[in-house]
Amino acid sequence: MTTRHAYDQGLEMLRKEIILMGELVARAIGDAVTSLAQKDVELARKVMEGDDAIDALEVSIEDRCMLLIAKQQPMARDLRIISTGLKITTDLERMGDHAYDIAKVTLLLANEPLIKPLIDIPRMAQMVEKMLNQAMEAYTNMDITLAEQVCLADDEVDQLQRQMFRELLTFMLEDPKKIGQATQLILVGRFLERFADHATNIAEWVIYLVTGQRLRKK
C-alpha cells in the first residue's frame, strides 16, 4: 500500500466517523425531546447514557486527525479537510451535550403535569434536527447550496424560541407556582436554539471546506 493510499484511507475513515457522529447526535436530540413530550424517563436515561458514545467518537476523531497531521504533514487542501473535521466534531459534541441536558429536564419534570401542551418545543426539535441532517448531507456531498440553506433556517428557529420564551414568561407572571417548570422549558428552548447555532456552524465549515472562505453569520 502506498503512503498516499494509506493517507486517503485515513481521510475516508475520518469522514465516516464524522458522519456517524452526526447520526448519533440527530437521534439523541429527537429522542430527548420525545422523552420530554411523553415524560418517558427510560428514553431520557437512554439519551444520557448514549452521550458516552458521542464523546468517545469525538476522542477517536481527534486522535485520527492528530495522527494524519503528524504522519503526513498535509498540504493546504488536505489540511483544510482535517481542520474542518475537528471543528465539526466540536460542534457535534456540544449538540450532544444539549440533547443530554434536555433529557435531564425530562427527569426533573417527570412527576409534574405539564403546564401546557408541548407544541413549540417539538416543532423546534424537528427544525433543528432537519438543520443538522442537512448540514451533514452538505458535508457528505460538499454541497454549498444546501449548506447555505441551513444557515438561513437559523433565523426561523430564533424567532420560534423568542415566541416560546414570551409565552412561558406570561405563565410565570400569571401563576408563580408555574415558575419552576416554565424556567426549565425556557432552558429547553435555549438548548434547541444553541443546537441550531451549532448546525449553522457546521454548514459554515462545509462552505469553508469547499471554497476556502469563511462565511460568518450576520
Protein backbone atom coordinates (compact mmCIF):
# COMPACT_ATOMS: atom_id res chain seq x y z
CA MET A 1 0.00 0.00 0.00
CA THR A 2 1.43 3.39 -1.00
CA THR A 3 1.75 6.18 1.53
CA ARG A 4 -0.81 8.28 -0.35
CA HIS A 5 -3.28 5.39 -0.50
CA ALA A 6 -2.98 4.85 3.26
CA TYR A 7 -3.43 8.57 3.78
CA ASP A 8 -6.56 8.65 1.62
CA GLN A 9 -7.93 5.73 3.60
CA GLY A 10 -7.32 7.69 6.78
CA LEU A 11 -9.22 10.68 5.40
CA GLU A 12 -12.11 8.42 4.37
CA MET A 13 -12.28 6.87 7.84
CA LEU A 14 -12.31 10.38 9.29
CA ARG A 15 -15.24 11.30 7.07
CA LYS A 16 -17.17 8.17 8.02
CA GLU A 17 -16.67 8.72 11.75
CA ILE A 18 -17.88 12.32 11.48
CA ILE A 19 -20.98 11.20 9.58
CA LEU A 20 -21.67 8.52 12.21
CA MET A 21 -21.28 11.08 14.98
CA GLY A 22 -23.80 13.31 13.21
CA GLU A 23 -26.28 10.43 13.02
CA LEU A 24 -25.92 9.71 16.75
CA VAL A 25 -26.44 13.36 17.65
CA ALA A 26 -29.53 13.69 15.43
CA ARG A 27 -31.04 10.60 17.07
CA ALA A 28 -30.17 11.95 20.53
CA ILE A 29 -31.94 15.28 20.06
CA GLY A 30 -35.03 13.62 18.63
CA ASP A 31 -35.18 11.10 21.48
CA ALA A 32 -34.51 13.77 24.12
CA VAL A 33 -37.47 15.90 23.05
CA THR A 34 -39.68 12.83 22.63
CA SER A 35 -38.79 11.81 26.18
CA LEU A 36 -39.84 15.25 27.41
CA ALA A 37 -43.10 15.38 25.47
CA GLN A 38 -44.07 11.84 26.53
CA LYS A 39 -42.49 12.03 30.01
CA ASP A 40 -40.54 8.90 29.10
CA VAL A 41 -37.91 8.57 31.81
CA GLU A 42 -36.42 5.39 30.34
CA LEU A 43 -35.85 7.09 26.99
CA ALA A 44 -34.32 10.10 28.72
CA ARG A 45 -31.85 7.88 30.52
CA LYS A 46 -31.03 6.16 27.24
CA VAL A 47 -30.17 9.55 25.73
CA MET A 48 -27.95 10.41 28.69
CA GLU A 49 -26.15 7.06 28.53
CA GLY A 50 -25.71 7.44 24.76
CA ASP A 51 -23.75 10.63 25.27
CA ASP A 52 -20.74 8.50 26.16
CA ALA A 53 -20.68 7.06 22.64
CA ILE A 54 -20.75 10.56 21.17
CA ASP A 55 -17.90 11.66 23.42
CA ALA A 56 -15.90 8.54 22.52
CA LEU A 57 -16.28 9.29 18.82
CA GLU A 58 -15.05 12.83 19.41
CA VAL A 59 -11.88 11.45 21.02
CA SER A 60 -11.40 8.93 18.20
CA ILE A 61 -11.79 11.64 15.54
CA GLU A 62 -9.40 13.98 17.32
CA ASP A 63 -6.80 11.21 17.60
CA ARG A 64 -7.19 10.35 13.91
CA CYS A 65 -6.76 13.99 12.91
CA MET A 66 -3.62 14.37 15.02
CA LEU A 67 -2.12 11.21 13.51
CA LEU A 68 -2.88 12.37 9.97
CA ILE A 69 -1.20 15.69 10.65
CA ALA A 70 1.80 14.19 12.43
CA LYS A 71 2.50 11.41 9.93
CA GLN A 72 1.63 13.07 6.63
CA GLN A 73 2.29 16.80 7.06
CA PRO A 74 -0.72 17.61 4.84
CA MET A 75 -0.72 20.47 2.37
CA ALA A 76 -3.40 23.16 2.10
CA ARG A 77 -6.40 21.18 0.76
CA ASP A 78 -5.87 18.13 2.96
CA LEU A 79 -5.11 20.27 5.99
CA ARG A 80 -8.45 22.02 5.42
CA ILE A 81 -10.23 18.66 5.41
CA ILE A 82 -8.62 17.70 8.71
CA SER A 83 -9.05 21.05 10.47
CA THR A 84 -12.67 21.27 9.33
CA GLY A 85 -13.27 17.77 10.66
CA LEU A 86 -12.01 18.88 14.07
CA LYS A 87 -14.28 21.92 14.07
CA ILE A 88 -17.37 19.97 13.01
CA THR A 89 -16.67 17.36 15.68
CA THR A 90 -16.53 20.04 18.37
CA ASP A 91 -19.92 21.37 17.30
CA LEU A 92 -21.40 17.85 17.24
CA GLU A 93 -20.13 17.11 20.73
CA ARG A 94 -21.75 20.27 22.07
CA MET A 95 -25.01 19.37 20.33
CA GLY A 96 -24.87 16.01 22.07
CA ASP A 97 -24.49 17.86 25.36
CA HIS A 98 -27.66 19.84 24.63
CA ALA A 99 -29.57 16.61 24.00
CA TYR A 100 -28.23 15.32 27.32
CA ASP A 101 -29.39 18.50 29.07
CA ILE A 102 -32.90 18.19 27.64
CA ALA A 103 -33.06 14.57 28.81
CA LYS A 104 -32.12 15.80 32.31
CA VAL A 105 -35.09 18.19 32.20
CA THR A 106 -37.32 15.18 31.44
CA LEU A 107 -36.15 13.58 34.70
CA LEU A 108 -36.76 16.80 36.63
CA LEU A 109 -40.31 17.21 35.34
CA ALA A 110 -41.26 13.52 35.18
CA ASN A 111 -43.66 13.69 38.13
CA GLU A 112 -45.25 17.03 37.26
CA PRO A 113 -48.22 17.65 34.97
CA LEU A 114 -47.13 19.86 32.09
CA ILE A 115 -48.33 23.44 32.44
CA LYS A 116 -49.24 23.44 28.74
CA PRO A 117 -49.21 21.02 25.81
CA LEU A 118 -45.77 20.98 24.22
CA ILE A 119 -46.18 22.40 20.74
CA ASP A 120 -43.31 24.78 20.11
CA ILE A 121 -40.59 22.56 21.60
CA PRO A 122 -41.31 19.51 19.37
CA ARG A 123 -41.62 21.88 16.41
CA MET A 124 -38.25 23.43 17.21
CA ALA A 125 -36.77 19.97 17.62
CA GLN A 126 -37.97 18.95 14.16
CA MET A 127 -36.46 22.13 12.72
CA VAL A 128 -33.06 21.74 14.36
CA GLU A 129 -32.85 18.02 13.58
CA LYS A 130 -33.57 18.85 9.93
CA MET A 131 -30.86 21.53 10.04
CA LEU A 132 -28.34 19.03 11.38
CA ASN A 133 -29.28 16.36 8.84
CA GLN A 134 -28.98 18.87 6.01
CA ALA A 135 -25.66 20.16 7.33
CA MET A 136 -24.29 16.62 7.44
CA GLU A 137 -25.66 15.91 3.96
CA ALA A 138 -23.94 19.08 2.76
CA TYR A 139 -20.72 17.81 4.35
CA THR A 140 -21.08 14.38 2.75
CA ASN A 141 -21.76 15.78 -0.73
CA MET A 142 -19.73 19.01 -0.48
CA ASP A 143 -22.98 20.85 -1.26
CA ILE A 144 -22.58 24.60 -0.74
CA THR A 145 -26.17 25.38 -1.75
CA LEU A 146 -27.58 23.08 0.92
CA ALA A 147 -25.16 24.46 3.49
CA GLU A 148 -26.39 27.98 2.75
CA GLN A 149 -29.99 26.83 3.26
CA VAL A 150 -29.07 25.59 6.73
CA CYS A 151 -27.64 29.00 7.61
CA LEU A 152 -30.84 30.72 6.52
CA ALA A 153 -33.03 28.36 8.57
CA ASP A 154 -31.40 29.51 11.82
CA ASP A 155 -33.42 32.75 11.87
CA GLU A 156 -36.71 30.82 11.95
CA VAL A 157 -35.54 28.81 14.96
CA ASP A 158 -34.51 32.01 16.75
CA GLN A 159 -37.92 33.53 16.10
CA LEU A 160 -39.76 30.48 17.47
CA GLN A 161 -37.52 30.40 20.54
CA ARG A 162 -38.33 34.05 21.31
CA GLN A 163 -42.04 33.38 20.83
CA MET A 164 -41.89 30.43 23.23
CA PHE A 165 -39.97 32.49 25.79
CA ARG A 166 -42.61 35.22 25.78
CA GLU A 167 -45.43 32.71 26.21
CA LEU A 168 -43.74 30.94 29.11
CA LEU A 169 -42.92 34.26 30.75
CA THR A 170 -46.65 35.05 30.70
CA PHE A 171 -47.34 31.75 32.50
CA MET A 172 -44.78 32.69 35.16
CA LEU A 173 -46.28 36.14 35.70
CA GLU A 174 -49.82 34.83 35.96
CA ASP A 175 -49.05 31.96 38.33
CA PRO A 176 -45.86 31.89 40.44
CA LYS A 177 -46.38 28.16 41.05
CA LYS A 178 -45.52 27.58 37.39
CA ILE A 179 -42.19 29.42 37.56
CA GLY A 180 -40.10 26.30 38.19
CA GLN A 181 -41.40 24.28 35.25
CA ALA A 182 -41.63 27.28 32.95
CA THR A 183 -37.97 28.06 33.68
CA GLN A 184 -36.98 24.51 32.73
CA LEU A 185 -38.96 24.70 29.48
CA ILE A 186 -37.33 28.04 28.68
CA LEU A 187 -33.97 26.31 29.14
CA VAL A 188 -35.03 23.58 26.72
CA GLY A 189 -35.87 26.25 24.15
CA ARG A 190 -32.44 27.76 24.71
CA PHE A 191 -30.75 24.37 24.28
CA LEU A 192 -32.57 23.87 20.97
CA GLU A 193 -31.65 27.38 19.82
CA ARG A 194 -27.99 26.67 20.59
CA PHE A 195 -28.30 23.33 18.78
CA ALA A 196 -29.41 25.25 15.70
CA ASP A 197 -26.42 27.58 16.08
CA HIS A 198 -24.07 24.61 16.04
CA ALA A 199 -25.81 23.17 12.96
CA THR A 200 -25.23 26.54 11.32
CA ASN A 201 -21.58 26.40 12.34
CA ILE A 202 -21.24 23.00 10.64
CA ALA A 203 -22.82 24.39 7.47
CA GLU A 204 -20.38 27.30 7.55
CA TRP A 205 -17.47 24.87 7.95
CA VAL A 206 -18.70 22.96 4.90
CA ILE A 207 -18.63 26.18 2.90
CA TYR A 208 -15.09 26.82 4.12
CA LEU A 209 -14.06 23.26 3.27
CA VAL A 210 -15.25 23.64 -0.32
CA THR A 211 -14.31 27.26 -1.01
CA GLY A 212 -11.62 28.17 1.48
CA GLN A 213 -13.76 31.15 2.51
CA ARG A 214 -15.31 31.56 5.96
CA LEU A 215 -18.95 32.62 5.97
CA ARG A 216 -19.86 34.46 9.14
CA LYS A 217 -23.44 34.75 10.32
CA LYS A 218 -24.71 38.33 10.43
